[in-house]
Amino acid sequence: MQPVIDVTLGAAGPPHEVVLKLQGGDDWELNVWAAFEDLAKLRGVRAAAWDQRRSIAAGVSAGDRVFWCAPGEGADPEIATVLIGHDDEAWDIAFLIPVTLVEKIGTLASARQLD
């Protein structure tokens, strides 16, 4: 059973349009500031294979860029990776979250749906 992760999209001040909050219960929280257009690209995360250098750059968190990647070869096909750091090869923080959740973020951003 995968843990429940809450997703909210809220208004953000310039230069960002939206703040995405991912929260895994009381254990962790990730805030990403982004443009709707960038987050909308996450609908195609399954094609964003890290090992083929196709990760999706969408947003900033903790002062660094956020990269979203599909599962690598041989990994669980339903788990995506969120990387925070200078680039998608030299990151400082990584989260594993369900691919369907990343796709949901892309869909919400496409609709510009705020909570």
PDB file of N, CA and C in Angstrom:
ATOM      1  N   MET A   1       0.835  -1.185   0.000  1.00  0.00           N
ATOM      2  CA  MET A   1       0.000   0.000   0.000  1.00  0.00           C
ATOM      3  C   MET A   1       0.876   1.243   0.000  1.00  0.00           C
ATOM      4  N   GLN A   2       0.596   2.173  -0.915  1.00  0.00           N
ATOM      5  CA  GLN A   2       1.364   3.402  -0.988  1.00  0.00           C
ATOM      6  C   GLN A   2       0.825   4.413   0.014  1.00  0.00           C
ATOM      7  N   PRO A   3       1.707   5.244   0.569  1.00  0.00           N
ATOM      8  CA  PRO A   3       1.244   6.255   1.511  1.00  0.00           C
ATOM      9  C   PRO A   3       0.378   7.296   0.808  1.00  0.00           C
ATOM     10  N   VAL A   4      -0.517   7.902   1.561  1.00  0.00           N
ATOM     11  CA  VAL A   4      -1.368   8.950   1.016  1.00  0.00           C
ATOM     12  C   VAL A   4      -0.584  10.258   1.018  1.00  0.00           C
ATOM     13  N   ILE A   5      -0.570  10.924  -0.129  1.00  0.00           N
ATOM     14  CA  ILE A   5       0.109  12.204  -0.258  1.00  0.00           C
ATOM     15  C   ILE A   5      -0.922  13.223  -0.718  1.00  0.00           C
ATOM     16  N   ASP A   6      -1.105  14.271   0.070  1.00  0.00           N
ATOM     17  CA  ASP A   6      -2.042  15.328  -0.292  1.00  0.00           C
ATOM     18  C   ASP A   6      -1.383  16.302  -1.254  1.00  0.00           C
ATOM     19  N   VAL A   7      -2.171  16.801  -2.213  1.00  0.00           N
ATOM     20  CA  VAL A   7      -1.709  17.767  -3.204  1.00  0.00           C
ATOM     21  C   VAL A   7      -2.605  18.988  -3.133  1.00  0.00           C
ATOM     22  N   THR A   8      -1.995  20.167  -3.026  1.00  0.00           N
ATOM     23  CA  THR A   8      -2.758  21.403  -3.127  1.00  0.00           C
ATOM     24  C   THR A   8      -2.003  22.372  -4.030  1.00  0.00           C
ATOM     25  N   LEU A   9      -2.762  23.145  -4.797  1.00  0.00           N
ATOM     26  CA  LEU A   9      -2.212  24.210  -5.619  1.00  0.00           C
ATOM     27  C   LEU A   9      -2.798  25.514  -5.110  1.00  0.00           C
ATOM     28  N   GLY A  10      -1.923  26.444  -4.719  1.00  0.00           N
ATOM     29  CA  GLY A  10      -2.382  27.727  -4.217  1.00  0.00           C
ATOM     30  C   GLY A  10      -1.761  28.873  -4.988  1.00  0.00           C
ATOM     31  N   ALA A  11      -2.354  30.038  -4.839  1.00  0.00           N
ATOM     32  CA  ALA A  11      -1.818  31.228  -5.499  1.00  0.00           C
ATOM     33  C   ALA A  11      -0.468  31.588  -4.881  1.00  0.00           C
ATOM     34  N   ALA A  12       0.440  32.051  -5.711  1.00  0.00           N
ATOM     35  CA  ALA A  12       1.766  32.473  -5.259  1.00  0.00           C
ATOM     36  C   ALA A  12       2.042  33.869  -5.803  1.00  0.00           C
ATOM     37  N   GLY A  13       2.909  34.575  -5.132  1.00  0.00           N
ATOM     38  CA  GLY A  13       3.265  35.909  -5.597  1.00  0.00           C
ATOM     39  C   GLY A  13       4.313  35.859  -6.694  1.00  0.00           C
ATOM     40  N   PRO A  14       4.461  36.982  -7.400  1.00  0.00           N
ATOM     41  CA  PRO A  14       5.455  37.063  -8.476  1.00  0.00           C
ATOM     42  C   PRO A  14       6.845  36.683  -7.972  1.00  0.00           C
ATOM     43  N   PRO A  15       7.644  36.011  -8.755  1.00  0.00           N
ATOM     44  CA  PRO A  15       7.458  35.738 -10.179  1.00  0.00           C
ATOM     45  C   PRO A  15       6.739  34.424 -10.462  1.00  0.00           C
ATOM     46  N   HIS A  16       6.175  33.789  -9.461  1.00  0.00           N
ATOM     47  CA  HIS A  16       5.538  32.480  -9.650  1.00  0.00           C
ATOM     48  C   HIS A  16       4.025  32.629  -9.664  1.00  0.00           C
ATOM     49  N   GLU A  17       3.369  31.757 -10.406  1.00  0.00           N
ATOM     50  CA  GLU A  17       1.910  31.773 -10.477  1.00  0.00           C
ATOM     51  C   GLU A  17       1.271  30.910  -9.398  1.00  0.00           C
ATOM     52  N   VAL A  18       1.968  29.845  -9.014  1.00  0.00           N
ATOM     53  CA  VAL A  18       1.345  28.847  -8.156  1.00  0.00           C
ATOM     54  C   VAL A  18       2.375  28.251  -7.210  1.00  0.00           C
ATOM     55  N   VAL A  19       1.901  27.867  -6.017  1.00  0.00           N
ATOM     56  CA  VAL A  19       2.727  27.082  -5.118  1.00  0.00           C
ATOM     57  C   VAL A  19       2.058  25.716  -4.978  1.00  0.00           C
ATOM     58  N   LEU A  20       2.823  24.689  -5.253  1.00  0.00           N
ATOM     59  CA  LEU A  20       2.375  23.306  -5.142  1.00  0.00           C
ATOM     60  C   LEU A  20       2.842  22.781  -3.802  1.00  0.00           C
ATOM     61  N   LYS A  21       1.924  22.232  -3.040  1.00  0.00           N
ATOM     62  CA  LYS A  21       2.285  21.632  -1.753  1.00  0.00           C
ATOM     63  C   LYS A  21       2.000  20.144  -1.811  1.00  0.00           C
ATOM     64  N   LEU A  22       3.026  19.353  -1.589  1.00  0.00           N
ATOM     65  CA  LEU A  22       2.884  17.904  -1.447  1.00  0.00           C
ATOM     66  C   LEU A  22       3.133  17.596   0.017  1.00  0.00           C
ATOM     67  N   GLN A  23       2.243  16.836   0.621  1.00  0.00           N
ATOM     68  CA  GLN A  23       2.386  16.557   2.047  1.00  0.00           C
ATOM     69  C   GLN A  23       2.082  15.103   2.331  1.00  0.00           C
ATOM     70  N   GLY A  24       3.049  14.427   2.933  1.00  0.00           N
ATOM     71  CA  GLY A  24       2.905  13.032   3.321  1.00  0.00           C
ATOM     72  C   GLY A  24       2.537  12.938   4.790  1.00  0.00           C
ATOM     73  N   GLY A  25       1.268  13.166   5.093  1.00  0.00           N
ATOM     74  CA  GLY A  25       0.814  13.160   6.486  1.00  0.00           C
ATOM     75  C   GLY A  25       1.539  14.227   7.295  1.00  0.00           C
ATOM     76  N   ASP A  26       1.926  13.857   8.501  1.00  0.00           N
ATOM     77  CA  ASP A  26       2.694  14.767   9.358  1.00  0.00           C
ATOM     78  C   ASP A  26       4.191  14.538   9.218  1.00  0.00           C
ATOM     79  N   ASP A  27       4.589  13.634   8.313  1.00  0.00           N
ATOM     80  CA  ASP A  27       5.989  13.240   8.208  1.00  0.00           C
ATOM     81  C   ASP A  27       6.843  14.166   7.356  1.00  0.00           C
ATOM     82  N   TRP A  28       6.273  14.687   6.258  1.00  0.00           N
ATOM     83  CA  TRP A  28       7.069  15.550   5.385  1.00  0.00           C
ATOM     84  C   TRP A  28       6.176  16.444   4.540  1.00  0.00           C
ATOM     85  N   GLU A  29       6.780  17.520   4.049  1.00  0.00           N
ATOM     86  CA  GLU A  29       6.086  18.469   3.175  1.00  0.00           C
ATOM     87  C   GLU A  29       7.085  19.024   2.174  1.00  0.00           C
ATOM     88  N   LEU A  30       6.637  19.167   0.938  1.00  0.00           N
ATOM     89  CA  LEU A  30       7.457  19.743  -0.118  1.00  0.00           C
ATOM     90  C   LEU A  30       6.660  20.863  -0.772  1.00  0.00           C
ATOM     91  N   ASN A  31       7.231  22.070  -0.812  1.00  0.00           N
ATOM     92  CA  ASN A  31       6.610  23.213  -1.472  1.00  0.00           C
ATOM     93  C   ASN A  31       7.424  23.555  -2.707  1.00  0.00           C
ATOM     94  N   VAL A  32       6.725  23.693  -3.832  1.00  0.00           N
ATOM     95  CA  VAL A  32       7.359  24.004  -5.115  1.00  0.00           C
ATOM     96  C   VAL A  32       6.655  25.221  -5.708  1.00  0.00           C
ATOM     97  N   TRP A  33       7.427  26.258  -6.006  1.00  0.00           N
ATOM     98  CA  TRP A  33       6.895  27.461  -6.642  1.00  0.00           C
ATOM     99  C   TRP A  33       7.138  27.337  -8.135  1.00  0.00           C
ATOM    100  N   ALA A  34       6.086  27.589  -8.939  1.00  0.00           N
ATOM    101  CA  ALA A  34       6.207  27.336 -10.375  1.00  0.00           C
ATOM    102  C   ALA A  34       5.197  28.143 -11.177  1.00  0.00           C
ATOM    103  N   ALA A  35       5.296  27.996 -12.486  1.00  0.00           N
ATOM    104  CA  ALA A  35       4.303  28.511 -13.426  1.00  0.00           C
ATOM    105  C   ALA A  35       3.374  27.354 -13.803  1.00  0.00           C
ATOM    106  N   PHE A  36       2.113  27.679 -14.050  1.00  0.00           N
ATOM    107  CA  PHE A  36       1.169  26.641 -14.473  1.00  0.00           C
ATOM    108  C   PHE A  36       1.696  25.894 -15.696  1.00  0.00           C
ATOM    109  N   GLU A  37       2.243  26.629 -16.638  1.00  0.00           N
ATOM    110  CA  GLU A  37       2.736  26.035 -17.885  1.00  0.00           C
ATOM    111  C   GLU A  37       3.795  24.967 -17.618  1.00  0.00           C
ATOM    112  N   ASP A  38       4.690  25.230 -16.687  1.00  0.00           N
ATOM    113  CA  ASP A  38       5.736  24.246 -16.372  1.00  0.00           C
ATOM    114  C   ASP A  38       5.152  23.013 -15.699  1.00  0.00           C
ATOM    115  N   LEU A  39       4.258  23.222 -14.720  1.00  0.00           N
ATOM    116  CA  LEU A  39       3.658  22.075 -14.033  1.00  0.00           C
ATOM    117  C   LEU A  39       2.769  21.261 -14.966  1.00  0.00           C
ATOM    118  N   ALA A  40       2.159  21.899 -15.952  1.00  0.00           N
ATOM    119  CA  ALA A  40       1.306  21.182 -16.904  1.00  0.00           C
ATOM    120  C   ALA A  40       2.101  20.126 -17.675  1.00  0.00           C
ATOM    121  N   LYS A  41       3.387  20.342 -17.849  1.00  0.00           N
ATOM    122  CA  LYS A  41       4.238  19.374 -18.555  1.00  0.00           C
ATOM    123  C   LYS A  41       4.316  18.047 -17.815  1.00  0.00           C
ATOM    124  N   LEU A  42       3.974  18.046 -16.530  1.00  0.00           N
ATOM    125  CA  LEU A  42       4.069  16.815 -15.740  1.00  0.00           C
ATOM    126  C   LEU A  42       3.063  15.757 -16.162  1.00  0.00           C
ATOM    127  N   ARG A  43       2.088  16.128 -16.982  1.00  0.00           N
ATOM    128  CA  ARG A  43       1.167  15.113 -17.515  1.00  0.00           C
ATOM    129  C   ARG A  43       1.939  14.064 -18.306  1.00  0.00           C
ATOM    130  N   GLY A  44       3.072  14.440 -18.879  1.00  0.00           N
ATOM    131  CA  GLY A  44       3.888  13.528 -19.678  1.00  0.00           C
ATOM    132  C   GLY A  44       5.067  12.943 -18.922  1.00  0.00           C
ATOM    133  N   VAL A  45       4.968  12.834 -17.619  1.00  0.00           N
ATOM    134  CA  VAL A  45       6.112  12.381 -16.816  1.00  0.00           C
ATOM    135  C   VAL A  45       6.568  10.960 -17.166  1.00  0.00           C
ATOM    136  N   ARG A  46       5.676  10.126 -17.634  1.00  0.00           N
ATOM    137  CA  ARG A  46       6.081   8.743 -17.951  1.00  0.00           C
ATOM    138  C   ARG A  46       7.134   8.685 -19.055  1.00  0.00           C
ATOM    139  N   ALA A  47       7.222   9.731 -19.875  1.00  0.00           N
ATOM    140  CA  ALA A  47       8.231   9.789 -20.940  1.00  0.00           C
ATOM    141  C   ALA A  47       9.501  10.502 -20.477  1.00  0.00           C
ATOM    142  N   ALA A  48       9.522  10.966 -19.242  1.00  0.00           N
ATOM    143  CA  ALA A  48      10.656  11.753 -18.729  1.00  0.00           C
ATOM    144  C   ALA A  48      11.684  10.849 -18.055  1.00  0.00           C
ATOM    145  N   ALA A  49      12.241   9.948 -18.820  1.00  0.00           N
ATOM    146  CA  ALA A  49      13.198   8.975 -18.281  1.00  0.00           C
ATOM    147  C   ALA A  49      14.517   9.652 -17.907  1.00  0.00           C
ATOM    148  N   TRP A  50      14.868   9.582 -16.637  1.00  0.00           N
ATOM    149  CA  TRP A  50      16.098  10.204 -16.150  1.00  0.00           C
ATOM    150  C   TRP A  50      17.315   9.618 -16.852  1.00  0.00           C
ATOM    151  N   ASP A  51      17.350   8.296 -17.027  1.00  0.00           N
ATOM    152  CA  ASP A  51      18.523   7.652 -17.617  1.00  0.00           C
ATOM    153  C   ASP A  51      18.670   7.977 -19.109  1.00  0.00           C
ATOM    154  N   GLN A  52      17.659   8.617 -19.706  1.00  0.00           N
ATOM    155  CA  GLN A  52      17.737   9.097 -21.085  1.00  0.00           C
ATOM    156  C   GLN A  52      17.830  10.625 -21.126  1.00  0.00           C
ATOM    157  N   ARG A  53      18.067  11.234 -19.976  1.00  0.00           N
ATOM    158  CA  ARG A  53      18.216  12.692 -19.818  1.00  0.00           C
ATOM    159  C   ARG A  53      16.990  13.450 -20.311  1.00  0.00           C
ATOM    160  N   ARG A  54      15.814  12.950 -19.912  1.00  0.00           N
ATOM    161  CA  ARG A  54      14.556  13.576 -20.318  1.00  0.00           C
ATOM    162  C   ARG A  54      13.758  14.093 -19.131  1.00  0.00           C
ATOM    163  N   SER A  55      14.375  14.333 -17.999  1.00  0.00           N
ATOM    164  CA  SER A  55      13.623  14.809 -16.847  1.00  0.00           C
ATOM    165  C   SER A  55      12.960  16.147 -17.173  1.00  0.00           C
ATOM    166  N   ILE A  56      11.908  16.463 -16.445  1.00  0.00           N
ATOM    167  CA  ILE A  56      11.158  17.702 -16.655  1.00  0.00           C
ATOM    168  C   ILE A  56      11.541  18.690 -15.560  1.00  0.00           C
ATOM    169  N   ALA A  57      12.055  19.844 -15.952  1.00  0.00           N
ATOM    170  CA  ALA A  57      12.353  20.918 -15.004  1.00  0.00           C
ATOM    171  C   ALA A  57      11.073  21.722 -14.816  1.00  0.00           C
ATOM    172  N   ALA A  58      10.545  21.734 -13.590  1.00  0.00           N
ATOM    173  CA  ALA A  58       9.313  22.471 -13.308  1.00  0.00           C
ATOM    174  C   ALA A  58       9.334  22.956 -11.870  1.00  0.00           C
ATOM    175  N   GLY A  59       9.616  24.235 -11.688  1.00  0.00           N
ATOM    176  CA  GLY A  59       9.530  24.841 -10.374  1.00  0.00           C
ATOM    177  C   GLY A  59      10.848  24.972  -9.647  1.00  0.00           C
ATOM    178  N   VAL A  60      10.745  25.635  -8.486  1.00  0.00           N
ATOM    179  CA  VAL A  60      11.879  25.803  -7.579  1.00  0.00           C
ATOM    180  C   VAL A  60      11.432  25.473  -6.163  1.00  0.00           C
ATOM    181  N   SER A  61      12.378  24.985  -5.377  1.00  0.00           N
ATOM    182  CA  SER A  61      12.131  24.679  -3.971  1.00  0.00           C
ATOM    183  C   SER A  61      13.450  24.798  -3.226  1.00  0.00           C
ATOM    184  N   ALA A  62      13.388  25.344  -2.044  1.00  0.00           N
ATOM    185  CA  ALA A  62      14.593  25.497  -1.214  1.00  0.00           C
ATOM    186  C   ALA A  62      15.715  26.214  -1.976  1.00  0.00           C
ATOM    187  N   GLY A  63      15.330  27.136  -2.852  1.00  0.00           N
ATOM    188  CA  GLY A  63      16.298  27.922  -3.603  1.00  0.00           C
ATOM    189  C   GLY A  63      16.932  27.227  -4.792  1.00  0.00           C
ATOM    190  N   ASP A  64      16.456  26.025  -5.129  1.00  0.00           N
ATOM    191  CA  ASP A  64      17.020  25.280  -6.262  1.00  0.00           C
ATOM    192  C   ASP A  64      15.922  24.810  -7.195  1.00  0.00           C
ATOM    193  N   ARG A  65      16.347  24.343  -8.351  1.00  0.00           N
ATOM    194  CA  ARG A  65      15.417  23.847  -9.367  1.00  0.00           C
ATOM    195  C   ARG A  65      14.849  22.488  -8.972  1.00  0.00           C
ATOM    196  N   VAL A  66      13.662  22.204  -9.501  1.00  0.00           N
ATOM    197  CA  VAL A  66      12.994  20.923  -9.242  1.00  0.00           C
ATOM    198  C   VAL A  66      12.873  20.174 -10.564  1.00  0.00           C
ATOM    199  N   PHE A  67      13.278  18.913 -10.546  1.00  0.00           N
ATOM    200  CA  PHE A  67      13.245  18.044 -11.724  1.00  0.00           C
ATOM    201  C   PHE A  67      12.364  16.839 -11.404  1.00  0.00           C
ATOM    202  N   TRP A  68      11.557  16.446 -12.368  1.00  0.00           N
ATOM    203  CA  TRP A  68      10.600  15.348 -12.219  1.00  0.00           C
ATOM    204  C   TRP A  68      10.982  14.264 -13.212  1.00  0.00           C
ATOM    205  N   CYS A  69      11.091  13.023 -12.744  1.00  0.00           N
ATOM    206  CA  CYS A  69      11.581  11.931 -13.601  1.00  0.00           C
ATOM    207  C   CYS A  69      10.675  10.714 -13.532  1.00  0.00           C
ATOM    208  N   ALA A  70      10.596  10.040 -14.656  1.00  0.00           N
ATOM    209  CA  ALA A  70       9.898   8.752 -14.722  1.00  0.00           C
ATOM    210  C   ALA A  70      10.746   7.685 -14.049  1.00  0.00           C
ATOM    211  N   PRO A  71      10.127   6.572 -13.736  1.00  0.00           N
ATOM    212  CA  PRO A  71      10.906   5.469 -13.167  1.00  0.00           C
ATOM    213  C   PRO A  71      11.996   5.020 -14.140  1.00  0.00           C
ATOM    214  N   GLY A  72      13.138   4.694 -13.602  1.00  0.00           N
ATOM    215  CA  GLY A  72      14.241   4.197 -14.427  1.00  0.00           C
ATOM    216  C   GLY A  72      14.024   2.751 -14.818  1.00  0.00           C
ATOM    217  N   GLU A  73      14.836   2.301 -15.727  1.00  0.00           N
ATOM    218  CA  GLU A  73      14.747   0.921 -16.196  1.00  0.00           C
ATOM    219  C   GLU A  73      14.954  -0.035 -15.027  1.00  0.00           C
ATOM    220  N   GLY A  74      14.058  -0.994 -14.901  1.00  0.00           N
ATOM    221  CA  GLY A  74      14.146  -1.972 -13.833  1.00  0.00           C
ATOM    222  C   GLY A  74      13.528  -1.518 -12.518  1.00  0.00           C
ATOM    223  N   ALA A  75      13.080  -0.259 -12.430  1.00  0.00           N
ATOM    224  CA  ALA A  75      12.461   0.265 -11.212  1.00  0.00           C
ATOM    225  C   ALA A  75      10.948   0.064 -11.270  1.00  0.00           C
ATOM    226  N   ASP A  76      10.296   0.278 -10.158  1.00  0.00           N
ATOM    227  CA  ASP A  76       8.842   0.192 -10.090  1.00  0.00           C
ATOM    228  C   ASP A  76       8.250   1.195 -11.084  1.00  0.00           C
ATOM    229  N   PRO A  77       7.478   0.749 -12.066  1.00  0.00           N
ATOM    230  CA  PRO A  77       6.967   1.644 -13.100  1.00  0.00           C
ATOM    231  C   PRO A  77       5.935   2.653 -12.603  1.00  0.00           C
ATOM    232  N   GLU A  78       5.490   2.522 -11.378  1.00  0.00           N
ATOM    233  CA  GLU A  78       4.484   3.431 -10.839  1.00  0.00           C
ATOM    234  C   GLU A  78       5.055   4.456  -9.865  1.00  0.00           C
ATOM    235  N   ILE A  79       6.378   4.523  -9.746  1.00  0.00           N
ATOM    236  CA  ILE A  79       7.017   5.465  -8.816  1.00  0.00           C
ATOM    237  C   ILE A  79       7.887   6.447  -9.602  1.00  0.00           C
ATOM    238  N   ALA A  80       7.600   7.736  -9.430  1.00  0.00           N
ATOM    239  CA  ALA A  80       8.394   8.797 -10.055  1.00  0.00           C
ATOM    240  C   ALA A  80       9.354   9.369  -9.018  1.00  0.00           C
ATOM    241  N   THR A  81      10.327  10.132  -9.493  1.00  0.00           N
ATOM    242  CA  THR A  81      11.296  10.764  -8.604  1.00  0.00           C
ATOM    243  C   THR A  81      11.248  12.272  -8.788  1.00  0.00           C
ATOM    244  N   VAL A  82      11.258  12.981  -7.677  1.00  0.00           N
ATOM    245  CA  VAL A  82      11.352  14.438  -7.678  1.00  0.00           C
ATOM    246  C   VAL A  82      12.741  14.772  -7.135  1.00  0.00           C
ATOM    247  N   LEU A  83      13.529  15.495  -7.926  1.00  0.00           N
ATOM    248  CA  LEU A  83      14.900  15.843  -7.552  1.00  0.00           C
ATOM    249  C   LEU A  83      15.002  17.350  -7.359  1.00  0.00           C
ATOM    250  N   ILE A  84      15.621  17.784  -6.284  1.00  0.00           N
ATOM    251  CA  ILE A  84      15.805  19.206  -6.013  1.00  0.00           C
ATOM    252  C   ILE A  84      17.295  19.480  -5.917  1.00  0.00           C
ATOM    253  N   GLY A  85      17.776  20.382  -6.776  1.00  0.00           N
ATOM    254  CA  GLY A  85      19.193  20.696  -6.755  1.00  0.00           C
ATOM    255  C   GLY A  85      19.621  21.506  -7.960  1.00  0.00           C
ATOM    256  N   HIS A  86      20.917  21.608  -8.140  1.00  0.00           N
ATOM    257  CA  HIS A  86      21.495  22.399  -9.218  1.00  0.00           C
ATOM    258  C   HIS A  86      21.040  21.908 -10.595  1.00  0.00           C
ATOM    259  N   ASP A  87      21.037  20.590 -10.771  1.00  0.00           N
ATOM    260  CA  ASP A  87      20.544  19.993 -12.009  1.00  0.00           C
ATOM    261  C   ASP A  87      20.059  18.587 -11.689  1.00  0.00           C
ATOM    262  N   ASP A  88      19.655  17.837 -12.721  1.00  0.00           N
ATOM    263  CA  ASP A  88      19.093  16.507 -12.464  1.00  0.00           C
ATOM    264  C   ASP A  88      20.155  15.417 -12.299  1.00  0.00           C
ATOM    265  N   GLU A  89      21.403  15.825 -12.259  1.00  0.00           N
ATOM    266  CA  GLU A  89      22.479  14.868 -11.973  1.00  0.00           C
ATOM    267  C   GLU A  89      23.161  15.153 -10.643  1.00  0.00           C
ATOM    268  N   ALA A  90      23.076  16.387 -10.184  1.00  0.00           N
ATOM    269  CA  ALA A  90      23.716  16.772  -8.918  1.00  0.00           C
ATOM    270  C   ALA A  90      22.653  17.382  -8.006  1.00  0.00           C
ATOM    271  N   TRP A  91      21.756  16.554  -7.519  1.00  0.00           N
ATOM    272  CA  TRP A  91      20.671  17.028  -6.671  1.00  0.00           C
ATOM    273  C   TRP A  91      21.046  16.889  -5.199  1.00  0.00           C
ATOM    274  N   ASP A  92      20.300  17.596  -4.363  1.00  0.00           N
ATOM    275  CA  ASP A  92      20.522  17.549  -2.918  1.00  0.00           C
ATOM    276  C   ASP A  92      19.429  16.779  -2.192  1.00  0.00           C
ATOM    277  N   ILE A  93      18.238  16.779  -2.757  1.00  0.00           N
ATOM    278  CA  ILE A  93      17.084  16.140  -2.116  1.00  0.00           C
ATOM    279  C   ILE A  93      16.335  15.348  -3.177  1.00  0.00           C
ATOM    280  N   ALA A  94      15.849  14.168  -2.816  1.00  0.00           N
ATOM    281  CA  ALA A  94      15.043  13.367  -3.738  1.00  0.00           C
ATOM    282  C   ALA A  94      13.835  12.794  -2.993  1.00  0.00           C
ATOM    283  N   PHE A  95      12.698  12.778  -3.670  1.00  0.00           N
ATOM    284  CA  PHE A  95      11.474  12.183  -3.148  1.00  0.00           C
ATOM    285  C   PHE A  95      10.979  11.162  -4.158  1.00  0.00           C
ATOM    286  N   LEU A  96      10.437  10.068  -3.683  1.00  0.00           N
ATOM    287  CA  LEU A  96       9.770   9.085  -4.533  1.00  0.00           C
ATOM    288  C   LEU A  96       8.278   9.217  -4.297  1.00  0.00           C
ATOM    289  N   ILE A  97       7.532   9.441  -5.381  1.00  0.00           N
ATOM    290  CA  ILE A  97       6.086   9.597  -5.262  1.00  0.00           C
ATOM    291  C   ILE A  97       5.411   8.854  -6.414  1.00  0.00           C
ATOM    292  N   PRO A  98       4.136   8.529  -6.269  1.00  0.00           N
ATOM    293  CA  PRO A  98       3.438   7.804  -7.328  1.00  0.00           C
ATOM    294  C   PRO A  98       3.389   8.604  -8.636  1.00  0.00           C
ATOM    295  N   VAL A  99       3.603   7.910  -9.742  1.00  0.00           N
ATOM    296  CA  VAL A  99       3.530   8.529 -11.064  1.00  0.00           C
ATOM    297  C   VAL A  99       2.148   9.142 -11.281  1.00  0.00           C
ATOM    298  N   THR A 100       1.119   8.466 -10.841  1.00  0.00           N
ATOM    299  CA  THR A 100      -0.239   8.988 -11.036  1.00  0.00           C
ATOM    300  C   THR A 100      -0.429  10.326 -10.326  1.00  0.00           C
ATOM    301  N   LEU A 101       0.246  10.529  -9.220  1.00  0.00           N
ATOM    302  CA  LEU A 101       0.163  11.800  -8.504  1.00  0.00           C
ATOM    303  C   LEU A 101       0.820  12.914  -9.316  1.00  0.00           C
ATOM    304  N   VAL A 102       1.955  12.630  -9.921  1.00  0.00           N
ATOM    305  CA  VAL A 102       2.640  13.614 -10.759  1.00  0.00           C
ATOM    306  C   VAL A 102       1.754  13.969 -11.954  1.00  0.00           C
ATOM    307  N   GLU A 103       1.129  12.966 -12.562  1.00  0.00           N
ATOM    308  CA  GLU A 103       0.223  13.217 -13.676  1.00  0.00           C
ATOM    309  C   GLU A 103      -0.971  14.077 -13.231  1.00  0.00           C
ATOM    310  N   LYS A 104      -1.470  13.820 -12.024  1.00  0.00           N
ATOM    311  CA  LYS A 104      -2.576  14.612 -11.478  1.00  0.00           C
ATOM    312  C   LYS A 104      -2.167  16.079 -11.323  1.00  0.00           C
ATOM    313  N   ILE A 105      -0.951  16.321 -10.866  1.00  0.00           N
ATOM    314  CA  ILE A 105      -0.458  17.695 -10.732  1.00  0.00           C
ATOM    315  C   ILE A 105      -0.476  18.372 -12.101  1.00  0.00           C
ATOM    316  N   GLY A 106      -0.004  17.664 -13.121  1.00  0.00           N
ATOM    317  CA  GLY A 106      -0.011  18.204 -14.472  1.00  0.00           C
ATOM    318  C   GLY A 106      -1.415  18.532 -14.957  1.00  0.00           C
ATOM    319  N   THR A 107      -2.358  17.671 -14.653  1.00  0.00           N
ATOM    320  CA  THR A 107      -3.743  17.889 -15.061  1.00  0.00           C
ATOM    321  C   THR A 107      -4.336  19.098 -14.343  1.00  0.00           C
ATOM    322  N   LEU A 108      -4.120  19.201 -13.035  1.00  0.00           N
ATOM    323  CA  LEU A 108      -4.624  20.349 -12.278  1.00  0.00           C
ATOM    324  C   LEU A 108      -4.017  21.654 -12.780  1.00  0.00           C
ATOM    325  N   ALA A 109      -2.729  21.622 -13.068  1.00  0.00           N
ATOM    326  CA  ALA A 109      -2.063  22.830 -13.560  1.00  0.00           C
ATOM    327  C   ALA A 109      -2.571  23.213 -14.951  1.00  0.00           C
ATOM    328  N   SER A 110      -2.841  22.226 -15.785  1.00  0.00           N
ATOM    329  CA  SER A 110      -3.388  22.507 -17.121  1.00  0.00           C
ATOM    330  C   SER A 110      -4.727  23.220 -17.029  1.00  0.00           C
ATOM    331  N   ALA A 111      -5.519  22.808 -16.032  1.00  0.00           N
ATOM    332  CA  ALA A 111      -6.830  23.418 -15.825  1.00  0.00           C
ATOM    333  C   ALA A 111      -6.720  24.695 -14.984  1.00  0.00           C
ATOM    334  N   ARG A 112      -5.499  25.012 -14.545  1.00  0.00           N
ATOM    335  CA  ARG A 112      -5.274  26.172 -13.661  1.00  0.00           C
ATOM    336  C   ARG A 112      -6.194  26.121 -12.461  1.00  0.00           C
ATOM    337  N   GLN A 113      -6.326  24.923 -11.906  1.00  0.00           N
ATOM    338  CA  GLN A 113      -7.235  24.671 -10.795  1.00  0.00           C
ATOM    339  C   GLN A 113      -6.526  24.896  -9.468  1.00  0.00           C
ATOM    340  N   LEU A 114      -6.915  25.961  -8.761  1.00  0.00           N
ATOM    341  CA  LEU A 114      -6.352  26.272  -7.449  1.00  0.00           C
ATOM    342  C   LEU A 114      -7.286  25.781  -6.365  1.00  0.00           C
ATOM    343  N   ASP A 115      -6.711  25.427  -5.230  1.00  0.00           N
ATOM    344  CA  ASP A 115      -7.531  25.013  -4.071  1.00  0.00           C
ATOM    345  C   ASP A 115      -8.099  26.227  -3.360  1.00  0.00           C
TER     346      ASP A 115
END
